[in-house]
N, C-alpha and C. Protein backbone atom coordinates (compact mmCIF):
# COMPACT_ATOMS: atom_id res chain seq x y z
N UNK A 1 9.92 -7.06 -6.93
CA UNK A 1 10.70 -7.59 -5.83
C UNK A 1 10.82 -9.09 -5.97
N UNK A 2 11.98 -9.61 -5.75
CA UNK A 2 12.25 -11.06 -5.87
C UNK A 2 11.52 -11.80 -4.77
N UNK A 3 10.58 -12.63 -5.13
CA UNK A 3 9.78 -13.41 -4.18
C UNK A 3 10.69 -14.25 -3.29
N UNK A 4 11.80 -14.74 -3.84
CA UNK A 4 12.70 -15.58 -3.05
C UNK A 4 13.46 -14.80 -2.00
N UNK A 5 13.53 -13.50 -2.12
CA UNK A 5 14.18 -12.67 -1.12
C UNK A 5 13.21 -12.33 0.03
N UNK A 6 11.94 -12.59 -0.17
CA UNK A 6 10.92 -12.29 0.84
C UNK A 6 10.64 -13.48 1.72
N UNK A 7 10.33 -13.18 2.96
CA UNK A 7 9.92 -14.20 3.91
C UNK A 7 8.71 -13.66 4.69
N UNK A 8 7.84 -14.55 5.13
CA UNK A 8 6.75 -14.09 5.99
C UNK A 8 7.36 -13.32 7.18
N UNK A 9 6.72 -12.22 7.51
CA UNK A 9 7.20 -11.37 8.58
C UNK A 9 8.04 -10.19 8.12
N UNK A 10 8.53 -10.25 6.86
CA UNK A 10 9.31 -9.11 6.31
C UNK A 10 8.40 -7.90 6.14
N UNK A 11 9.00 -6.71 6.37
CA UNK A 11 8.31 -5.46 6.11
C UNK A 11 8.60 -5.04 4.67
N UNK A 12 7.55 -4.61 3.96
CA UNK A 12 7.66 -4.16 2.59
C UNK A 12 6.82 -2.90 2.43
N UNK A 13 7.09 -2.16 1.35
CA UNK A 13 6.26 -1.03 0.98
C UNK A 13 5.41 -1.43 -0.22
N UNK A 14 4.11 -1.24 -0.08
CA UNK A 14 3.15 -1.53 -1.15
C UNK A 14 2.92 -0.23 -1.92
N UNK A 15 3.28 -0.25 -3.20
CA UNK A 15 3.13 0.95 -4.04
C UNK A 15 1.66 1.31 -4.18
N UNK A 16 1.37 2.59 -4.03
CA UNK A 16 0.02 3.11 -4.24
C UNK A 16 0.16 4.53 -4.76
N UNK A 17 -0.97 5.21 -4.88
CA UNK A 17 -0.95 6.55 -5.42
C UNK A 17 -1.85 7.44 -4.58
N UNK A 18 -1.29 8.58 -4.12
CA UNK A 18 -2.10 9.57 -3.41
C UNK A 18 -2.94 10.30 -4.45
N UNK A 19 -4.26 10.28 -4.25
CA UNK A 19 -5.15 10.82 -5.28
C UNK A 19 -6.06 11.94 -4.84
N UNK A 20 -6.24 12.10 -3.52
CA UNK A 20 -7.22 13.09 -3.06
C UNK A 20 -6.90 13.56 -1.65
N UNK A 21 -6.96 14.86 -1.47
CA UNK A 21 -6.84 15.45 -0.14
C UNK A 21 -8.15 15.27 0.59
N UNK A 22 -8.11 14.71 1.78
CA UNK A 22 -9.35 14.52 2.57
C UNK A 22 -9.52 15.66 3.59
N UNK A 23 -8.42 16.16 4.12
CA UNK A 23 -8.47 17.26 5.10
C UNK A 23 -7.15 18.01 5.06
N UNK A 24 -7.12 19.11 4.34
CA UNK A 24 -5.90 19.90 4.22
C UNK A 24 -5.65 20.77 5.47
N UNK A 25 -6.69 21.03 6.25
CA UNK A 25 -6.53 21.90 7.42
C UNK A 25 -5.85 21.14 8.56
N UNK A 26 -5.98 19.84 8.59
CA UNK A 26 -5.38 19.03 9.65
C UNK A 26 -3.88 18.98 9.42
N UNK A 27 -3.08 18.90 10.50
CA UNK A 27 -1.63 18.78 10.34
C UNK A 27 -1.17 17.52 11.01
N UNK A 28 -0.48 16.60 10.32
CA UNK A 28 -0.26 16.69 8.87
C UNK A 28 -1.56 16.40 8.11
N UNK A 29 -1.57 16.86 6.88
CA UNK A 29 -2.77 16.73 6.04
C UNK A 29 -3.14 15.26 5.84
N UNK A 30 -4.45 15.03 5.66
CA UNK A 30 -4.97 13.69 5.46
C UNK A 30 -5.23 13.48 3.98
N UNK A 31 -4.80 12.32 3.47
CA UNK A 31 -4.86 12.03 2.04
C UNK A 31 -5.43 10.65 1.80
N UNK A 32 -6.06 10.47 0.64
CA UNK A 32 -6.55 9.17 0.19
C UNK A 32 -5.54 8.59 -0.80
N UNK A 33 -5.17 7.32 -0.59
CA UNK A 33 -4.31 6.62 -1.56
C UNK A 33 -5.10 5.43 -2.11
N UNK A 34 -4.75 5.01 -3.30
CA UNK A 34 -5.41 3.88 -3.95
C UNK A 34 -4.38 2.92 -4.51
N UNK A 35 -4.78 1.65 -4.60
CA UNK A 35 -4.02 0.62 -5.29
C UNK A 35 -4.98 -0.47 -5.74
N UNK A 36 -4.53 -1.33 -6.63
CA UNK A 36 -5.37 -2.41 -7.13
C UNK A 36 -4.77 -3.75 -6.72
N UNK A 37 -5.59 -4.63 -6.16
CA UNK A 37 -5.08 -5.92 -5.70
C UNK A 37 -4.96 -6.90 -6.83
N UNK A 38 -4.55 -8.13 -6.53
CA UNK A 38 -4.29 -9.14 -7.55
C UNK A 38 -5.57 -9.59 -8.28
N UNK A 39 -6.71 -9.38 -7.66
CA UNK A 39 -8.01 -9.74 -8.31
C UNK A 39 -8.60 -8.60 -9.11
N UNK A 40 -7.87 -7.46 -9.17
CA UNK A 40 -8.33 -6.31 -9.92
C UNK A 40 -9.25 -5.39 -9.15
N UNK A 41 -9.38 -5.60 -7.83
CA UNK A 41 -10.23 -4.71 -7.02
C UNK A 41 -9.43 -3.48 -6.58
N UNK A 42 -10.02 -2.33 -6.78
CA UNK A 42 -9.38 -1.09 -6.33
C UNK A 42 -9.67 -0.88 -4.84
N UNK A 43 -8.63 -0.53 -4.09
CA UNK A 43 -8.74 -0.27 -2.66
C UNK A 43 -8.37 1.17 -2.38
N UNK A 44 -8.95 1.71 -1.33
CA UNK A 44 -8.71 3.09 -0.93
C UNK A 44 -8.36 3.08 0.57
N UNK A 45 -7.27 3.79 0.91
CA UNK A 45 -6.87 3.94 2.31
C UNK A 45 -6.77 5.43 2.60
N UNK A 46 -7.14 5.83 3.81
CA UNK A 46 -7.10 7.24 4.19
C UNK A 46 -6.33 7.39 5.49
N UNK A 47 -5.34 8.27 5.50
CA UNK A 47 -4.60 8.57 6.73
C UNK A 47 -3.74 9.81 6.48
N UNK A 48 -2.95 10.15 7.48
CA UNK A 48 -2.04 11.30 7.35
C UNK A 48 -0.99 11.00 6.30
N UNK A 49 -0.63 12.01 5.51
CA UNK A 49 0.31 11.83 4.39
C UNK A 49 1.61 11.11 4.80
N UNK A 50 2.23 11.42 5.97
CA UNK A 50 3.48 10.74 6.31
C UNK A 50 3.34 9.22 6.48
N UNK A 51 2.15 8.74 6.81
CA UNK A 51 1.92 7.28 6.94
C UNK A 51 2.19 6.60 5.60
N UNK A 52 1.97 7.32 4.51
CA UNK A 52 2.15 6.75 3.18
C UNK A 52 3.51 7.07 2.59
N UNK A 53 4.43 7.49 3.48
CA UNK A 53 5.82 7.70 3.06
C UNK A 53 6.01 8.87 2.13
N UNK A 54 5.11 9.82 2.16
CA UNK A 54 5.24 10.95 1.23
C UNK A 54 5.34 12.25 2.06
N UNK A 55 6.13 13.14 1.55
CA UNK A 55 6.34 14.42 2.18
C UNK A 55 5.60 15.48 1.36
N UNK A 56 4.31 15.56 1.61
CA UNK A 56 3.47 16.51 0.85
C UNK A 56 2.94 17.56 1.81
N UNK A 57 2.69 18.70 1.28
CA UNK A 57 1.97 19.71 2.04
C UNK A 57 0.63 19.93 1.35
N UNK A 58 -0.29 20.61 1.98
CA UNK A 58 -1.63 20.77 1.41
C UNK A 58 -1.67 21.46 0.04
N UNK A 59 -0.57 22.08 -0.35
CA UNK A 59 -0.53 22.73 -1.67
C UNK A 59 0.05 21.81 -2.75
N UNK A 60 0.54 20.62 -2.36
CA UNK A 60 1.12 19.71 -3.34
C UNK A 60 0.06 19.20 -4.29
N UNK A 61 0.43 19.06 -5.55
CA UNK A 61 -0.49 18.56 -6.57
C UNK A 61 -0.63 17.04 -6.44
N UNK A 62 -1.80 16.57 -6.74
CA UNK A 62 -2.06 15.11 -6.77
C UNK A 62 -2.54 14.77 -8.15
N UNK A 63 -2.36 13.55 -8.64
CA UNK A 63 -1.85 12.37 -7.94
C UNK A 63 -0.34 12.42 -7.72
N UNK A 64 0.12 11.58 -6.77
CA UNK A 64 1.52 11.53 -6.40
C UNK A 64 1.83 10.11 -5.94
N UNK A 65 2.96 9.54 -6.35
CA UNK A 65 3.32 8.19 -5.89
C UNK A 65 3.42 8.14 -4.34
N UNK A 66 2.99 7.02 -3.78
CA UNK A 66 3.02 6.84 -2.33
C UNK A 66 3.23 5.35 -2.06
N UNK A 67 3.29 5.00 -0.78
CA UNK A 67 3.46 3.61 -0.39
C UNK A 67 2.87 3.41 0.99
N UNK A 68 2.36 2.22 1.25
CA UNK A 68 1.89 1.87 2.58
C UNK A 68 2.74 0.72 3.10
N UNK A 69 3.23 0.87 4.32
CA UNK A 69 4.07 -0.17 4.92
C UNK A 69 3.24 -1.38 5.26
N UNK A 70 3.75 -2.58 4.90
CA UNK A 70 3.03 -3.82 5.12
C UNK A 70 3.96 -4.88 5.69
N UNK A 71 3.35 -5.94 6.19
CA UNK A 71 4.07 -7.13 6.61
C UNK A 71 3.65 -8.28 5.69
N UNK A 72 4.62 -9.04 5.19
CA UNK A 72 4.34 -10.20 4.37
C UNK A 72 3.75 -11.28 5.27
N UNK A 73 2.57 -11.78 4.89
CA UNK A 73 1.92 -12.84 5.64
C UNK A 73 2.19 -14.22 5.02
N UNK A 74 1.97 -14.32 3.70
CA UNK A 74 2.20 -15.60 3.01
C UNK A 74 2.25 -15.39 1.51
N UNK A 75 2.60 -16.45 0.82
CA UNK A 75 2.68 -16.43 -0.62
C UNK A 75 1.60 -17.33 -1.20
N UNK A 76 1.09 -16.96 -2.34
CA UNK A 76 0.04 -17.72 -3.02
C UNK A 76 0.49 -18.09 -4.42
N UNK A 77 -0.19 -19.03 -5.02
CA UNK A 77 0.11 -19.43 -6.39
C UNK A 77 -0.08 -18.21 -7.32
N UNK A 78 0.62 -18.22 -8.41
CA UNK A 78 0.51 -17.18 -9.40
C UNK A 78 -0.91 -17.17 -9.97
N UNK A 79 -1.37 -15.98 -10.32
CA UNK A 79 -2.70 -15.89 -10.92
C UNK A 79 -2.64 -16.35 -12.37
N UNK A 80 -3.78 -16.70 -12.93
CA UNK A 80 -3.83 -17.12 -14.32
C UNK A 80 -3.46 -15.97 -15.26
N UNK A 81 -3.79 -14.76 -14.86
CA UNK A 81 -3.58 -13.61 -15.72
C UNK A 81 -2.15 -13.08 -15.69
N UNK A 82 -1.36 -13.52 -14.74
CA UNK A 82 -0.02 -12.99 -14.58
C UNK A 82 0.96 -14.08 -14.20
N UNK A 83 2.19 -13.91 -14.58
CA UNK A 83 3.20 -14.87 -14.20
C UNK A 83 3.92 -14.41 -12.92
N UNK A 84 3.46 -13.30 -12.35
CA UNK A 84 4.10 -12.77 -11.15
C UNK A 84 3.57 -13.45 -9.90
N UNK A 85 4.45 -13.71 -8.93
CA UNK A 85 3.98 -14.29 -7.68
C UNK A 85 3.01 -13.36 -6.94
N UNK A 86 2.11 -13.96 -6.19
CA UNK A 86 1.15 -13.19 -5.39
C UNK A 86 1.53 -13.28 -3.94
N UNK A 87 1.35 -12.18 -3.24
CA UNK A 87 1.77 -12.10 -1.84
C UNK A 87 0.62 -11.54 -1.02
N UNK A 88 0.33 -12.22 0.09
CA UNK A 88 -0.69 -11.73 1.03
C UNK A 88 0.05 -10.82 2.04
N UNK A 89 -0.40 -9.57 2.10
CA UNK A 89 0.26 -8.60 2.98
C UNK A 89 -0.79 -8.00 3.94
N UNK A 90 -0.29 -7.52 5.05
CA UNK A 90 -1.13 -6.83 6.04
C UNK A 90 -0.61 -5.43 6.26
N UNK A 91 -1.52 -4.47 6.37
CA UNK A 91 -1.14 -3.09 6.62
C UNK A 91 -1.08 -2.79 8.11
N UNK A 92 -0.97 -3.81 8.94
CA UNK A 92 -0.98 -3.64 10.39
C UNK A 92 0.16 -2.81 10.99
N UNK A 93 1.32 -2.68 10.36
CA UNK A 93 2.40 -1.91 11.04
C UNK A 93 1.99 -0.50 11.41
N UNK A 94 1.20 0.17 10.58
CA UNK A 94 0.80 1.54 10.88
C UNK A 94 -0.69 1.66 11.23
N UNK A 95 -1.37 0.52 11.36
CA UNK A 95 -2.77 0.54 11.72
C UNK A 95 -3.67 1.11 10.66
N UNK A 96 -3.25 1.04 9.41
CA UNK A 96 -4.04 1.56 8.30
C UNK A 96 -4.95 0.45 7.78
N UNK A 97 -6.16 0.81 7.41
CA UNK A 97 -7.11 -0.16 6.84
C UNK A 97 -7.97 0.54 5.81
N UNK A 98 -8.57 -0.27 4.94
CA UNK A 98 -9.53 0.24 3.98
C UNK A 98 -10.75 0.75 4.73
N UNK A 99 -11.60 1.48 4.06
CA UNK A 99 -12.77 2.04 4.71
C UNK A 99 -13.72 0.98 5.29
N UNK A 100 -13.67 -0.24 4.73
CA UNK A 100 -14.50 -1.30 5.27
C UNK A 100 -13.81 -2.12 6.37
N UNK A 101 -12.59 -1.66 6.76
CA UNK A 101 -11.84 -2.35 7.81
C UNK A 101 -10.85 -3.37 7.33
N UNK A 102 -10.85 -3.67 6.04
CA UNK A 102 -9.91 -4.66 5.48
C UNK A 102 -8.48 -4.15 5.65
N UNK A 103 -7.62 -5.03 6.18
CA UNK A 103 -6.19 -4.67 6.38
C UNK A 103 -5.26 -5.74 5.80
N UNK A 104 -5.81 -6.74 5.15
CA UNK A 104 -5.04 -7.80 4.50
C UNK A 104 -5.41 -7.86 3.04
N UNK A 105 -4.37 -7.84 2.19
CA UNK A 105 -4.63 -7.75 0.75
C UNK A 105 -3.73 -8.74 0.00
N UNK A 106 -4.25 -9.34 -1.04
CA UNK A 106 -3.47 -10.20 -1.93
C UNK A 106 -3.06 -9.34 -3.11
N UNK A 107 -1.74 -9.16 -3.27
CA UNK A 107 -1.23 -8.27 -4.29
C UNK A 107 -0.15 -8.97 -5.12
N UNK A 108 0.07 -8.43 -6.30
CA UNK A 108 1.13 -8.91 -7.18
C UNK A 108 2.45 -8.45 -6.60
N UNK A 109 3.46 -9.29 -6.67
CA UNK A 109 4.78 -8.97 -6.07
C UNK A 109 5.41 -7.74 -6.72
N UNK A 110 4.98 -7.38 -7.92
CA UNK A 110 5.58 -6.20 -8.58
C UNK A 110 5.15 -4.90 -7.92
N UNK A 111 4.18 -4.93 -7.00
CA UNK A 111 3.79 -3.73 -6.26
C UNK A 111 4.59 -3.55 -4.97
N UNK A 112 5.46 -4.51 -4.66
CA UNK A 112 6.19 -4.48 -3.40
C UNK A 112 7.64 -4.07 -3.58
N UNK A 113 8.12 -3.31 -2.62
CA UNK A 113 9.53 -2.87 -2.58
C UNK A 113 10.03 -3.07 -1.14
N UNK A 114 11.34 -3.22 -0.98
CA UNK A 114 11.86 -3.29 0.37
C UNK A 114 11.42 -2.08 1.21
N UNK A 115 11.07 -2.29 2.45
CA UNK A 115 10.63 -1.19 3.31
C UNK A 115 11.72 -0.14 3.43
N UNK A 116 11.36 1.11 3.17
CA UNK A 116 12.32 2.18 3.22
C UNK A 116 12.36 2.87 4.58
N UNK A 117 11.41 2.57 5.43
CA UNK A 117 11.36 3.26 6.71
C UNK A 117 11.08 2.26 7.83
C-alpha cells in the first residue's frame, strides 16, 4: 500500500493467516490468526472468523488468508532491514487484541491493504 495514500485515522486491513480453529462448535466458529510485526515478532489474535474478514465454516481447511481491520495511528522511519515504510496500527475497530492485551502493532506497509469492509 502506498504510504503517501495513507493518513492517520484511515482504516486498513492487516494481512494475516487463519491457522487454527479454537472452537468449531461456537457459531460463528472461533479461529486463531497470526502475523509478524516489523520487528519480527509473531502475534496471535483469536476471535470469530467473520472478524477477520473470512467466510469459513468449521469444515474449512486451514491455513487460510485473513485480515484484521485496523486504524492507522502514525508512521515510523523505515527499518534497517527493509526499505518499506513502517506503520503503527491499532486493532481497536473490532476490539481485537493479542492474548496479552496488545492492540497496537508496528508493521511493514506491505501487510496493509485498503479496508474492504
